[in-house]
Amino acid sequence: MIAILIFGNHATQLENLSCYIKPKNYKHKDIKALSGDIMAKITLYQYEGCPFCAKVRAKLEELNLEYEKVNVSTDGEDETRVMIREKSNVSTVPVIDIDGEFTGDSGPIIQKLESMG
């Protein structure tokens, strides 16, 4: 897939953009490409057996949002856990990173995901 993005008087051709295009039924309010909406980069930090993480995964699936899943250690001093705690101000999972903006706790995460539509 090739998409042309127009910035002022400049046109840019992007190849292999398909992994960054949202489904047609998804409406992103801010950024659009001529061939569809550009997808936010979403990373979910979680434990596989966590019920709150499962709620967030279910909402991501329901909204047809692509995301990367990162299983974190239960060790609170683990490098990844320290990083998400510093960026989200939350010491538990789930934590979601949407284009560099970190949000912790399933309730606020689900509200943020629903507001993207």
PDB file of N, CA and C in Angstrom:
ATOM      1  N   MET A   1       0.843  -1.169   0.000  1.00  0.00           N
ATOM      2  CA  MET A   1       0.000   0.000   0.000  1.00  0.00           C
ATOM      3  C   MET A   1       0.888   1.233   0.000  1.00  0.00           C
ATOM      4  N   ILE A   2       0.515   2.215  -0.782  1.00  0.00           N
ATOM      5  CA  ILE A   2       1.223   3.488  -0.825  1.00  0.00           C
ATOM      6  C   ILE A   2       0.233   4.581  -0.474  1.00  0.00           C
ATOM      7  N   ALA A   3       0.632   5.473   0.405  1.00  0.00           N
ATOM      8  CA  ALA A   3      -0.217   6.605   0.780  1.00  0.00           C
ATOM      9  C   ALA A   3       0.554   7.883   0.530  1.00  0.00           C
ATOM     10  N   ILE A   4      -0.142   8.913   0.163  1.00  0.00           N
ATOM     11  CA  ILE A   4       0.469  10.214  -0.037  1.00  0.00           C
ATOM     12  C   ILE A   4      -0.035  11.126   1.074  1.00  0.00           C
ATOM     13  N   LEU A   5       0.878  11.689   1.834  1.00  0.00           N
ATOM     14  CA  LEU A   5       0.526  12.657   2.868  1.00  0.00           C
ATOM     15  C   LEU A   5       0.896  14.035   2.358  1.00  0.00           C
ATOM     16  N   ILE A   6       0.039  14.995   2.566  1.00  0.00           N
ATOM     17  CA  ILE A   6       0.294  16.350   2.082  1.00  0.00           C
ATOM     18  C   ILE A   6       0.484  17.259   3.285  1.00  0.00           C
ATOM     19  N   PHE A   7       1.634  17.919   3.343  1.00  0.00           N
ATOM     20  CA  PHE A   7       1.961  18.867   4.393  1.00  0.00           C
ATOM     21  C   PHE A   7       2.197  20.216   3.723  1.00  0.00           C
ATOM     22  N   GLY A   8       1.242  21.129   3.815  1.00  0.00           N
ATOM     23  CA  GLY A   8       1.384  22.421   3.149  1.00  0.00           C
ATOM     24  C   GLY A   8       1.499  22.213   1.661  1.00  0.00           C
ATOM     25  N   ASN A   9       2.609  22.637   1.074  1.00  0.00           N
ATOM     26  CA  ASN A   9       2.833  22.494  -0.356  1.00  0.00           C
ATOM     27  C   ASN A   9       3.683  21.267  -0.688  1.00  0.00           C
ATOM     28  N   HIS A  10       3.959  20.424   0.312  1.00  0.00           N
ATOM     29  CA  HIS A  10       4.830  19.270   0.105  1.00  0.00           C
ATOM     30  C   HIS A  10       4.033  17.977   0.195  1.00  0.00           C
ATOM     31  N   ALA A  11       4.297  17.059  -0.723  1.00  0.00           N
ATOM     32  CA  ALA A  11       3.660  15.744  -0.694  1.00  0.00           C
ATOM     33  C   ALA A  11       4.725  14.710  -0.355  1.00  0.00           C
ATOM     34  N   THR A  12       4.393  13.763   0.501  1.00  0.00           N
ATOM     35  CA  THR A  12       5.317  12.708   0.896  1.00  0.00           C
ATOM     36  C   THR A  12       4.675  11.368   0.587  1.00  0.00           C
ATOM     37  N   GLN A  13       5.428  10.492  -0.072  1.00  0.00           N
ATOM     38  CA  GLN A  13       4.931   9.161  -0.388  1.00  0.00           C
ATOM     39  C   GLN A  13       5.442   8.200   0.671  1.00  0.00           C
ATOM     40  N   LEU A  14       4.534   7.441   1.276  1.00  0.00           N
ATOM     41  CA  LEU A  14       4.900   6.445   2.278  1.00  0.00           C
ATOM     42  C   LEU A  14       4.491   5.073   1.767  1.00  0.00           C
ATOM     43  N   GLU A  15       5.435   4.151   1.735  1.00  0.00           N
ATOM     44  CA  GLU A  15       5.137   2.802   1.306  1.00  0.00           C
ATOM     45  C   GLU A  15       4.930   1.913   2.528  1.00  0.00           C
ATOM     46  N   ASN A  16       4.222   0.810   2.344  1.00  0.00           N
ATOM     47  CA  ASN A  16       3.970  -0.167   3.393  1.00  0.00           C
ATOM     48  C   ASN A  16       3.346   0.473   4.632  1.00  0.00           C
ATOM     49  N   LEU A  17       2.379   1.332   4.428  1.00  0.00           N
ATOM     50  CA  LEU A  17       1.724   2.038   5.516  1.00  0.00           C
ATOM     51  C   LEU A  17       0.599   1.226   6.135  1.00  0.00           C
ATOM     52  N   SER A  18       0.287   0.068   5.570  1.00  0.00           N
ATOM     53  CA  SER A  18      -0.894  -0.678   5.994  1.00  0.00           C
ATOM     54  C   SER A  18      -0.911  -0.998   7.484  1.00  0.00           C
ATOM     55  N   CYS A  19       0.239  -1.188   8.125  1.00  0.00           N
ATOM     56  CA  CYS A  19       0.236  -1.506   9.547  1.00  0.00           C
ATOM     57  C   CYS A  19      -0.079  -0.281  10.395  1.00  0.00           C
ATOM     58  N   TYR A  20      -0.119   0.897   9.811  1.00  0.00           N
ATOM     59  CA  TYR A  20      -0.423   2.116  10.549  1.00  0.00           C
ATOM     60  C   TYR A  20      -1.808   2.677  10.236  1.00  0.00           C
ATOM     61  N   ILE A  21      -2.601   1.970   9.433  1.00  0.00           N
ATOM     62  CA  ILE A  21      -3.919   2.452   9.039  1.00  0.00           C
ATOM     63  C   ILE A  21      -4.979   1.765   9.889  1.00  0.00           C
ATOM     64  N   LYS A  22      -5.873   2.521  10.455  1.00  0.00           N
ATOM     65  CA  LYS A  22      -6.962   1.971  11.263  1.00  0.00           C
ATOM     66  C   LYS A  22      -8.053   1.445  10.337  1.00  0.00           C
ATOM     67  N   PRO A  23      -8.876   0.542  10.834  1.00  0.00           N
ATOM     68  CA  PRO A  23     -10.016   0.085  10.036  1.00  0.00           C
ATOM     69  C   PRO A  23     -10.914   1.264   9.667  1.00  0.00           C
ATOM     70  N   LYS A  24     -11.600   1.170   8.536  1.00  0.00           N
ATOM     71  CA  LYS A  24     -12.420   2.278   8.050  1.00  0.00           C
ATOM     72  C   LYS A  24     -13.505   2.698   9.036  1.00  0.00           C
ATOM     73  N   ASN A  25     -13.992   1.777   9.859  1.00  0.00           N
ATOM     74  CA  ASN A  25     -15.056   2.137  10.798  1.00  0.00           C
ATOM     75  C   ASN A  25     -14.528   2.899  12.012  1.00  0.00           C
ATOM     76  N   TYR A  26     -13.219   3.042  12.143  1.00  0.00           N
ATOM     77  CA  TYR A  26     -12.635   3.774  13.253  1.00  0.00           C
ATOM     78  C   TYR A  26     -12.469   5.230  12.857  1.00  0.00           C
ATOM     79  N   LYS A  27     -12.859   6.130  13.730  1.00  0.00           N
ATOM     80  CA  LYS A  27     -12.765   7.560  13.444  1.00  0.00           C
ATOM     81  C   LYS A  27     -11.805   8.219  14.418  1.00  0.00           C
ATOM     82  N   HIS A  28     -10.637   8.585  13.973  1.00  0.00           N
ATOM     83  CA  HIS A  28      -9.693   9.330  14.795  1.00  0.00           C
ATOM     84  C   HIS A  28      -9.908  10.799  14.471  1.00  0.00           C
ATOM     85  N   LYS A  29     -10.006  11.626  15.468  1.00  0.00           N
ATOM     86  CA  LYS A  29     -10.419  13.006  15.272  1.00  0.00           C
ATOM     87  C   LYS A  29      -9.304  13.945  14.837  1.00  0.00           C
ATOM     88  N   ASP A  30      -8.053  13.553  14.999  1.00  0.00           N
ATOM     89  CA  ASP A  30      -6.981  14.519  14.824  1.00  0.00           C
ATOM     90  C   ASP A  30      -6.137  14.349  13.565  1.00  0.00           C
ATOM     91  N   ILE A  31      -5.673  13.134  13.266  1.00  0.00           N
ATOM     92  CA  ILE A  31      -4.686  12.937  12.210  1.00  0.00           C
ATOM     93  C   ILE A  31      -5.268  12.028  11.138  1.00  0.00           C
ATOM     94  N   LYS A  32      -5.237  12.464   9.898  1.00  0.00           N
ATOM     95  CA  LYS A  32      -5.768  11.633   8.825  1.00  0.00           C
ATOM     96  C   LYS A  32      -4.797  11.586   7.647  1.00  0.00           C
ATOM     97  N   ALA A  33      -4.732  10.434   7.028  1.00  0.00           N
ATOM     98  CA  ALA A  33      -4.020  10.279   5.768  1.00  0.00           C
ATOM     99  C   ALA A  33      -5.082  10.109   4.697  1.00  0.00           C
ATOM    100  N   LEU A  34      -4.711  10.332   3.456  1.00  0.00           N
ATOM    101  CA  LEU A  34      -5.685  10.239   2.387  1.00  0.00           C
ATOM    102  C   LEU A  34      -6.289   8.847   2.268  1.00  0.00           C
ATOM    103  N   SER A  35      -5.541   7.817   2.631  1.00  0.00           N
ATOM    104  CA  SER A  35      -6.040   6.453   2.482  1.00  0.00           C
ATOM    105  C   SER A  35      -6.719   5.922   3.735  1.00  0.00           C
ATOM    106  N   GLY A  36      -6.780   6.672   4.810  1.00  0.00           N
ATOM    107  CA  GLY A  36      -7.395   6.193   6.053  1.00  0.00           C
ATOM    108  C   GLY A  36      -6.828   6.941   7.233  1.00  0.00           C
ATOM    109  N   ASP A  37      -7.222   6.542   8.424  1.00  0.00           N
ATOM    110  CA  ASP A  37      -6.751   7.204   9.627  1.00  0.00           C
ATOM    111  C   ASP A  37      -5.442   6.580  10.086  1.00  0.00           C
ATOM    112  N   ILE A  38      -4.534   7.402  10.590  1.00  0.00           N
ATOM    113  CA  ILE A  38      -3.259   6.913  11.101  1.00  0.00           C
ATOM    114  C   ILE A  38      -3.466   6.371  12.509  1.00  0.00           C
ATOM    115  N   MET A  39      -2.898   5.225  12.780  1.00  0.00           N
ATOM    116  CA  MET A  39      -3.095   4.556  14.053  1.00  0.00           C
ATOM    117  C   MET A  39      -2.073   5.027  15.083  1.00  0.00           C
ATOM    118  N   ALA A  40      -2.538   5.217  16.303  1.00  0.00           N
ATOM    119  CA  ALA A  40      -1.653   5.525  17.415  1.00  0.00           C
ATOM    120  C   ALA A  40      -0.846   4.266  17.753  1.00  0.00           C
ATOM    121  N   LYS A  41       0.368   4.460  18.232  1.00  0.00           N
ATOM    122  CA  LYS A  41       1.168   3.326  18.701  1.00  0.00           C
ATOM    123  C   LYS A  41       0.747   3.059  20.138  1.00  0.00           C
ATOM    124  N   ILE A  42       0.254   1.850  20.387  1.00  0.00           N
ATOM    125  CA  ILE A  42      -0.279   1.476  21.692  1.00  0.00           C
ATOM    126  C   ILE A  42       0.517   0.287  22.233  1.00  0.00           C
ATOM    127  N   THR A  43       0.997   0.430  23.471  1.00  0.00           N
ATOM    128  CA  THR A  43       1.682  -0.658  24.165  1.00  0.00           C
ATOM    129  C   THR A  43       0.991  -0.881  25.498  1.00  0.00           C
ATOM    130  N   LEU A  44       0.615  -2.126  25.765  1.00  0.00           N
ATOM    131  CA  LEU A  44      -0.021  -2.495  27.019  1.00  0.00           C
ATOM    132  C   LEU A  44       0.981  -3.268  27.869  1.00  0.00           C
ATOM    133  N   TYR A  45       1.288  -2.730  29.049  1.00  0.00           N
ATOM    134  CA  TYR A  45       2.141  -3.409  30.019  1.00  0.00           C
ATOM    135  C   TYR A  45       1.216  -4.152  30.971  1.00  0.00           C
ATOM    136  N   GLN A  46       1.433  -5.468  31.139  1.00  0.00           N
ATOM    137  CA  GLN A  46       0.446  -6.294  31.816  1.00  0.00           C
ATOM    138  C   GLN A  46       1.026  -7.595  32.324  1.00  0.00           C
ATOM    139  N   TYR A  47       0.213  -8.325  33.119  1.00  0.00           N
ATOM    140  CA  TYR A  47       0.443  -9.730  33.470  1.00  0.00           C
ATOM    141  C   TYR A  47      -0.634 -10.510  32.734  1.00  0.00           C
ATOM    142  N   GLU A  48      -0.310 -11.666  32.264  1.00  0.00           N
ATOM    143  CA  GLU A  48      -1.284 -12.468  31.520  1.00  0.00           C
ATOM    144  C   GLU A  48      -2.469 -12.873  32.394  1.00  0.00           C
ATOM    145  N   GLY A  49      -2.257 -13.187  33.675  1.00  0.00           N
ATOM    146  CA  GLY A  49      -3.342 -13.651  34.537  1.00  0.00           C
ATOM    147  C   GLY A  49      -4.085 -12.552  35.271  1.00  0.00           C
ATOM    148  N   CYS A  50      -3.789 -11.300  34.999  1.00  0.00           N
ATOM    149  CA  CYS A  50      -4.399 -10.165  35.709  1.00  0.00           C
ATOM    150  C   CYS A  50      -5.795  -9.883  35.146  1.00  0.00           C
ATOM    151  N   PRO A  51      -6.853  -9.916  35.990  1.00  0.00           N
ATOM    152  CA  PRO A  51      -8.209  -9.671  35.481  1.00  0.00           C
ATOM    153  C   PRO A  51      -8.416  -8.233  34.985  1.00  0.00           C
ATOM    154  N   PHE A  52      -7.720  -7.277  35.581  1.00  0.00           N
ATOM    155  CA  PHE A  52      -7.840  -5.882  35.134  1.00  0.00           C
ATOM    156  C   PHE A  52      -7.172  -5.691  33.776  1.00  0.00           C
ATOM    157  N   CYS A  53      -6.073  -6.413  33.573  1.00  0.00           N
ATOM    158  CA  CYS A  53      -5.400  -6.392  32.270  1.00  0.00           C
ATOM    159  C   CYS A  53      -6.295  -7.034  31.211  1.00  0.00           C
ATOM    160  N   ALA A  54      -7.008  -8.094  31.589  1.00  0.00           N
ATOM    161  CA  ALA A  54      -7.929  -8.771  30.663  1.00  0.00           C
ATOM    162  C   ALA A  54      -9.044  -7.830  30.231  1.00  0.00           C
ATOM    163  N   LYS A  55      -9.536  -6.976  31.151  1.00  0.00           N
ATOM    164  CA  LYS A  55     -10.568  -5.993  30.791  1.00  0.00           C
ATOM    165  C   LYS A  55     -10.047  -5.029  29.730  1.00  0.00           C
ATOM    166  N   VAL A  56      -8.801  -4.585  29.897  1.00  0.00           N
ATOM    167  CA  VAL A  56      -8.214  -3.648  28.934  1.00  0.00           C
ATOM    168  C   VAL A  56      -8.000  -4.342  27.591  1.00  0.00           C
ATOM    169  N   ARG A  57      -7.492  -5.577  27.612  1.00  0.00           N
ATOM    170  CA  ARG A  57      -7.309  -6.321  26.354  1.00  0.00           C
ATOM    171  C   ARG A  57      -8.648  -6.497  25.646  1.00  0.00           C
ATOM    172  N   ALA A  58      -9.707  -6.794  26.388  1.00  0.00           N
ATOM    173  CA  ALA A  58     -11.037  -6.966  25.787  1.00  0.00           C
ATOM    174  C   ALA A  58     -11.512  -5.670  25.138  1.00  0.00           C
ATOM    175  N   LYS A  59     -11.268  -4.529  25.770  1.00  0.00           N
ATOM    176  CA  LYS A  59     -11.676  -3.242  25.200  1.00  0.00           C
ATOM    177  C   LYS A  59     -10.862  -2.930  23.935  1.00  0.00           C
ATOM    178  N   LEU A  60      -9.576  -3.217  23.959  1.00  0.00           N
ATOM    179  CA  LEU A  60      -8.742  -3.020  22.769  1.00  0.00           C
ATOM    180  C   LEU A  60      -9.256  -3.861  21.608  1.00  0.00           C
ATOM    181  N   GLU A  61      -9.617  -5.101  21.886  1.00  0.00           N
ATOM    182  CA  GLU A  61     -10.155  -6.003  20.853  1.00  0.00           C
ATOM    183  C   GLU A  61     -11.506  -5.481  20.351  1.00  0.00           C
ATOM    184  N   GLU A  62     -12.374  -5.077  21.273  1.00  0.00           N
ATOM    185  CA  GLU A  62     -13.698  -4.565  20.916  1.00  0.00           C
ATOM    186  C   GLU A  62     -13.599  -3.353  19.984  1.00  0.00           C
ATOM    187  N   LEU A  63     -12.611  -2.493  20.248  1.00  0.00           N
ATOM    188  CA  LEU A  63     -12.425  -1.289  19.435  1.00  0.00           C
ATOM    189  C   LEU A  63     -11.554  -1.528  18.197  1.00  0.00           C
ATOM    190  N   ASN A  64     -11.144  -2.780  17.981  1.00  0.00           N
ATOM    191  CA  ASN A  64     -10.293  -3.145  16.831  1.00  0.00           C
ATOM    192  C   ASN A  64      -9.005  -2.340  16.785  1.00  0.00           C
ATOM    193  N   LEU A  65      -8.405  -2.120  17.953  1.00  0.00           N
ATOM    194  CA  LEU A  65      -7.156  -1.368  18.017  1.00  0.00           C
ATOM    195  C   LEU A  65      -5.980  -2.333  18.087  1.00  0.00           C
ATOM    196  N   GLU A  66      -5.000  -2.119  17.253  1.00  0.00           N
ATOM    197  CA  GLU A  66      -3.788  -2.936  17.288  1.00  0.00           C
ATOM    198  C   GLU A  66      -2.910  -2.430  18.413  1.00  0.00           C
ATOM    199  N   TYR A  67      -2.258  -3.352  19.099  1.00  0.00           N
ATOM    200  CA  TYR A  67      -1.401  -2.970  20.208  1.00  0.00           C
ATOM    201  C   TYR A  67      -0.321  -4.006  20.422  1.00  0.00           C
ATOM    202  N   GLU A  68       0.734  -3.572  21.082  1.00  0.00           N
ATOM    203  CA  GLU A  68       1.806  -4.475  21.490  1.00  0.00           C
ATOM    204  C   GLU A  68       1.579  -4.809  22.952  1.00  0.00           C
ATOM    205  N   LYS A  69       1.733  -6.057  23.294  1.00  0.00           N
ATOM    206  CA  LYS A  69       1.544  -6.516  24.669  1.00  0.00           C
ATOM    207  C   LYS A  69       2.916  -6.830  25.259  1.00  0.00           C
ATOM    208  N   VAL A  70       3.212  -6.233  26.434  1.00  0.00           N
ATOM    209  CA  VAL A  70       4.470  -6.492  27.119  1.00  0.00           C
ATOM    210  C   VAL A  70       4.146  -7.083  28.488  1.00  0.00           C
ATOM    211  N   ASN A  71       4.540  -8.333  28.697  1.00  0.00           N
ATOM    212  CA  ASN A  71       4.353  -8.966  30.002  1.00  0.00           C
ATOM    213  C   ASN A  71       5.486  -8.519  30.906  1.00  0.00           C
ATOM    214  N   VAL A  72       5.120  -7.927  32.054  1.00  0.00           N
ATOM    215  CA  VAL A  72       6.124  -7.393  32.967  1.00  0.00           C
ATOM    216  C   VAL A  72       6.370  -8.365  34.111  1.00  0.00           C
ATOM    217  N   SER A  73       7.493  -8.208  34.737  1.00  0.00           N
ATOM    218  CA  SER A  73       7.886  -9.033  35.873  1.00  0.00           C
ATOM    219  C   SER A  73       7.070  -8.654  37.108  1.00  0.00           C
ATOM    220  N   THR A  74       6.932  -9.593  38.010  1.00  0.00           N
ATOM    221  CA  THR A  74       6.279  -9.300  39.296  1.00  0.00           C
ATOM    222  C   THR A  74       7.249  -8.605  40.250  1.00  0.00           C
ATOM    223  N   ASP A  75       8.513  -8.575  39.896  1.00  0.00           N
ATOM    224  CA  ASP A  75       9.534  -7.911  40.708  1.00  0.00           C
ATOM    225  C   ASP A  75       9.393  -6.394  40.557  1.00  0.00           C
ATOM    226  N   GLY A  76       9.026  -5.715  41.639  1.00  0.00           N
ATOM    227  CA  GLY A  76       8.814  -4.273  41.603  1.00  0.00           C
ATOM    228  C   GLY A  76      10.053  -3.476  41.257  1.00  0.00           C
ATOM    229  N   GLU A  77      11.232  -4.077  41.376  1.00  0.00           N
ATOM    230  CA  GLU A  77      12.479  -3.381  41.042  1.00  0.00           C
ATOM    231  C   GLU A  77      12.958  -3.688  39.629  1.00  0.00           C
ATOM    232  N   ASP A  78      12.184  -4.474  38.896  1.00  0.00           N
ATOM    233  CA  ASP A  78      12.515  -4.775  37.501  1.00  0.00           C
ATOM    234  C   ASP A  78      12.584  -3.470  36.710  1.00  0.00           C
ATOM    235  N   GLU A  79      13.512  -3.388  35.783  1.00  0.00           N
ATOM    236  CA  GLU A  79      13.752  -2.174  34.992  1.00  0.00           C
ATOM    237  C   GLU A  79      12.491  -1.663  34.281  1.00  0.00           C
ATOM    238  N   THR A  80      11.715  -2.564  33.689  1.00  0.00           N
ATOM    239  CA  THR A  80      10.491  -2.160  32.990  1.00  0.00           C
ATOM    240  C   THR A  80       9.450  -1.658  33.984  1.00  0.00           C
ATOM    241  N   ARG A  81       9.299  -2.352  35.113  1.00  0.00           N
ATOM    242  CA  ARG A  81       8.350  -1.916  36.143  1.00  0.00           C
ATOM    243  C   ARG A  81       8.709  -0.537  36.676  1.00  0.00           C
ATOM    244  N   VAL A  82       9.977  -0.284  36.905  1.00  0.00           N
ATOM    245  CA  VAL A  82      10.417   1.029  37.392  1.00  0.00           C
ATOM    246  C   VAL A  82      10.074   2.104  36.362  1.00  0.00           C
ATOM    247  N   MET A  83      10.332   1.822  35.085  1.00  0.00           N
ATOM    248  CA  MET A  83      10.055   2.784  34.018  1.00  0.00           C
ATOM    249  C   MET A  83       8.564   3.117  33.946  1.00  0.00           C
ATOM    250  N   ILE A  84       7.685   2.104  33.950  1.00  0.00           N
ATOM    251  CA  ILE A  84       6.255   2.398  33.824  1.00  0.00           C
ATOM    252  C   ILE A  84       5.722   3.071  35.088  1.00  0.00           C
ATOM    253  N   ARG A  85       6.292   2.753  36.248  1.00  0.00           N
ATOM    254  CA  ARG A  85       5.880   3.416  37.488  1.00  0.00           C
ATOM    255  C   ARG A  85       6.233   4.900  37.436  1.00  0.00           C
ATOM    256  N   GLU A  86       7.430   5.219  36.948  1.00  0.00           N
ATOM    257  CA  GLU A  86       7.865   6.618  36.845  1.00  0.00           C
ATOM    258  C   GLU A  86       7.024   7.397  35.841  1.00  0.00           C
ATOM    259  N   LYS A  87       6.659   6.764  34.736  1.00  0.00           N
ATOM    260  CA  LYS A  87       5.933   7.469  33.677  1.00  0.00           C
ATOM    261  C   LYS A  87       4.430   7.539  33.913  1.00  0.00           C
ATOM    262  N   SER A  88       3.874   6.580  34.682  1.00  0.00           N
ATOM    263  CA  SER A  88       2.419   6.552  34.880  1.00  0.00           C
ATOM    264  C   SER A  88       2.001   6.964  36.286  1.00  0.00           C
ATOM    265  N   ASN A  89       2.955   7.022  37.212  1.00  0.00           N
ATOM    266  CA  ASN A  89       2.668   7.275  38.629  1.00  0.00           C
ATOM    267  C   ASN A  89       1.764   6.204  39.231  1.00  0.00           C
ATOM    268  N   VAL A  90       1.791   4.996  38.659  1.00  0.00           N
ATOM    269  CA  VAL A  90       1.013   3.864  39.148  1.00  0.00           C
ATOM    270  C   VAL A  90       1.978   2.692  39.316  1.00  0.00           C
ATOM    271  N   SER A  91       1.868   1.984  40.438  1.00  0.00           N
ATOM    272  CA  SER A  91       2.810   0.891  40.689  1.00  0.00           C
ATOM    273  C   SER A  91       2.244  -0.483  40.337  1.00  0.00           C
ATOM    274  N   THR A  92       1.025  -0.527  39.794  1.00  0.00           N
ATOM    275  CA  THR A  92       0.407  -1.797  39.416  1.00  0.00           C
ATOM    276  C   THR A  92       0.159  -1.822  37.908  1.00  0.00           C
ATOM    277  N   VAL A  93      -0.225  -2.987  37.406  1.00  0.00           N
ATOM    278  CA  VAL A  93      -0.636  -3.108  36.005  1.00  0.00           C
ATOM    279  C   VAL A  93      -2.146  -3.263  35.988  1.00  0.00           C
ATOM    280  N   PRO A  94      -2.791  -2.928  34.892  1.00  0.00           N
ATOM    281  CA  PRO A  94      -2.242  -2.553  33.589  1.00  0.00           C
ATOM    282  C   PRO A  94      -1.800  -1.088  33.535  1.00  0.00           C
ATOM    283  N   VAL A  95      -0.839  -0.863  32.628  1.00  0.00           N
ATOM    284  CA  VAL A  95      -0.416   0.477  32.239  1.00  0.00           C
ATOM    285  C   VAL A  95      -0.387   0.478  30.726  1.00  0.00           C
ATOM    286  N   ILE A  96      -0.905   1.542  30.127  1.00  0.00           N
ATOM    287  CA  ILE A  96      -0.920   1.633  28.670  1.00  0.00           C
ATOM    288  C   ILE A  96      -0.138   2.861  28.231  1.00  0.00           C
ATOM    289  N   ASP A  97       0.605   2.699  27.152  1.00  0.00           N
ATOM    290  CA  ASP A  97       1.364   3.788  26.540  1.00  0.00           C
ATOM    291  C   ASP A  97       0.733   4.042  25.175  1.00  0.00           C
ATOM    292  N   ILE A  98       0.136   5.217  25.014  1.00  0.00           N
ATOM    293  CA  ILE A  98      -0.446   5.600  23.738  1.00  0.00           C
ATOM    294  C   ILE A  98       0.359   6.779  23.207  1.00  0.00           C
ATOM    295  N   ASP A  99       1.189   6.503  22.211  1.00  0.00           N
ATOM    296  CA  ASP A  99       2.059   7.529  21.623  1.00  0.00           C
ATOM    297  C   ASP A  99       2.853   8.293  22.676  1.00  0.00           C
ATOM    298  N   GLY A 100       3.402   7.565  23.664  1.00  0.00           N
ATOM    299  CA  GLY A 100       4.253   8.183  24.671  1.00  0.00           C
ATOM    300  C   GLY A 100       3.525   8.743  25.879  1.00  0.00           C
ATOM    301  N   GLU A 101       2.203   8.646  25.905  1.00  0.00           N
ATOM    302  CA  GLU A 101       1.420   9.103  27.054  1.00  0.00           C
ATOM    303  C   GLU A 101       0.991   7.883  27.865  1.00  0.00           C
ATOM    304  N   PHE A 102       1.495   7.789  29.098  1.00  0.00           N
ATOM    305  CA  PHE A 102       1.262   6.622  29.939  1.00  0.00           C
ATOM    306  C   PHE A 102       0.061   6.851  30.848  1.00  0.00           C
ATOM    307  N   THR A 103      -0.796   5.827  30.953  1.00  0.00           N
ATOM    308  CA  THR A 103      -1.969   5.850  31.823  1.00  0.00           C
ATOM    309  C   THR A 103      -2.021   4.518  32.546  1.00  0.00           C
ATOM    310  N   GLY A 104      -2.272   4.563  33.859  1.00  0.00           N
ATOM    311  CA  GLY A 104      -2.367   3.348  34.648  1.00  0.00           C
ATOM    312  C   GLY A 104      -3.772   3.166  35.186  1.00  0.00           C
ATOM    313  N   ASP A 105      -4.108   1.931  35.559  1.00  0.00           N
ATOM    314  CA  ASP A 105      -5.385   1.532  36.148  1.00  0.00           C
ATOM    315  C   ASP A 105      -6.412   1.307  35.034  1.00  0.00           C
ATOM    316  N   SER A 106      -7.105   0.197  35.097  1.00  0.00           N
ATOM    317  CA  SER A 106      -7.993  -0.205  33.997  1.00  0.00           C
ATOM    318  C   SER A 106      -9.115   0.791  33.728  1.00  0.00           C
ATOM    319  N   GLY A 107      -9.702   1.404  34.758  1.00  0.00           N
ATOM    320  CA  GLY A 107     -10.797   2.360  34.540  1.00  0.00           C
ATOM    321  C   GLY A 107     -10.382   3.546  33.682  1.00  0.00           C
ATOM    322  N   PRO A 108      -9.343   4.305  34.083  1.00  0.00           N
ATOM    323  CA  PRO A 108      -8.875   5.420  33.253  1.00  0.00           C
ATOM    324  C   PRO A 108      -8.375   4.986  31.869  1.00  0.00           C
ATOM    325  N   ILE A 109      -7.783   3.801  31.802  1.00  0.00           N
ATOM    326  CA  ILE A 109      -7.307   3.306  30.497  1.00  0.00           C
ATOM    327  C   ILE A 109      -8.495   3.097  29.568  1.00  0.00           C
ATOM    328  N   ILE A 110      -9.531   2.435  30.052  1.00  0.00           N
ATOM    329  CA  ILE A 110     -10.707   2.167  29.219  1.00  0.00           C
ATOM    330  C   ILE A 110     -11.384   3.469  28.808  1.00  0.00           C
ATOM    331  N   GLN A 111     -11.475   4.440  29.706  1.00  0.00           N
ATOM    332  CA  GLN A 111     -12.041   5.750  29.354  1.00  0.00           C
ATOM    333  C   GLN A 111     -11.234   6.403  28.243  1.00  0.00           C
ATOM    334  N   LYS A 112      -9.912   6.344  28.348  1.00  0.00           N
ATOM    335  CA  LYS A 112      -9.037   6.939  27.319  1.00  0.00           C
ATOM    336  C   LYS A 112      -9.239   6.235  25.980  1.00  0.00           C
ATOM    337  N   LEU A 113      -9.316   4.910  25.978  1.00  0.00           N
ATOM    338  CA  LEU A 113      -9.506   4.170  24.728  1.00  0.00           C
ATOM    339  C   LEU A 113     -10.851   4.519  24.095  1.00  0.00           C
ATOM    340  N   GLU A 114     -11.900   4.613  24.907  1.00  0.00           N
ATOM    341  CA  GLU A 114     -13.221   4.958  24.367  1.00  0.00           C
ATOM    342  C   GLU A 114     -13.255   6.375  23.811  1.00  0.00           C
ATOM    343  N   SER A 115     -12.485   7.277  24.382  1.00  0.00           N
ATOM    344  CA  SER A 115     -12.478   8.666  23.903  1.00  0.00           C
ATOM    345  C   SER A 115     -11.722   8.816  22.588  1.00  0.00           C
ATOM    346  N   MET A 116     -10.942   7.809  22.204  1.00  0.00           N
ATOM    347  CA  MET A 116     -10.207   7.873  20.943  1.00  0.00           C
ATOM    348  C   MET A 116     -11.129   7.699  19.742  1.00  0.00           C
ATOM    349  N   GLY A 117     -12.312   7.131  19.939  1.00  0.00           N
ATOM    350  CA  GLY A 117     -13.210   6.812  18.836  1.00  0.00           C
ATOM    351  C   GLY A 117     -14.097   7.926  18.412  1.00  0.00           C
TER     352      GLY A 117
END
